[in-house]
């Protein structure tokens, strides 16, 4: 899900602008107290890149350990903890983020430690634009409201405990790619020319389709029949439409494939191999 970063709205904390506020007031804003707790072992998608196509949904697992003082009641109904993803320099200045439908579920493993899990379901057609691809960060928080209700006239934010941690490295969010290969003619006489074509496309989250990925280096590799290792024949670049085309001399039966190393925004991929019969 895409949201605007609204940490203050969760607590109803008094957030004061830097301009036009008397110095005495700005120096002593009403804020929550620091919760006696810490986060560790934060994992996003088990450390693997989050690769998203254009249809369906992708579930991203998240987990972390919450260590807290014995007097912090994590079982209270108004104790909230969660982990979110955001793109930008800071959580507060990020325009959008990704978060789960529910808060994290925490299982106590001792009186002062709990293992917390969460998941984010990404629906690319609703949640993503192409510019969202790349590096993201994680933000984790815990809020102990301690019976304070933002809707009450006597709501006192200073009685609320809060702990936040941002700037946590997270795996990249990548556009899924597709890569094809075709070696022809087949069969081919030894010593004759083989033309190897293909196409590299990637998910277009804005149009919910796959479009050609232009001017990208792609390796043509060959594996002789009966062997297990591929060797690099040459590296070529895709056209403006993502097309690939090169020629080689037929030497032996074997398999051709194209291999794309990936970029900062698009997932790496190797095509399915194509067998060539050399007579």
Foldseek 3Di string as FASTA:
>chain_A
DKDFQDPCVVLVFDDDDPPPDDPVDVVDGFAEAAFAKDKDPWAKQNQDAAEDALADKDKIKIKIKMFHDLPQDCVDPQKFKAKWKFDDDWSNPTGITFGDPDTWDWDDPDSGMTMTMGMTMDGLLPHDALVQWFWMKMKIKIKALPPADPPDPPRGNHNMHMDMDIPHGYHTHAWEKAKAKDWDDAAAEAFDKIKIKMFIWTHGSPVSDIWGDFFAKKWKWKDAPPDDDIDTPDIDTAHPRRMDIDMDGHHHWTWIKIWGPADRHHDTDIYDIDTYHYD
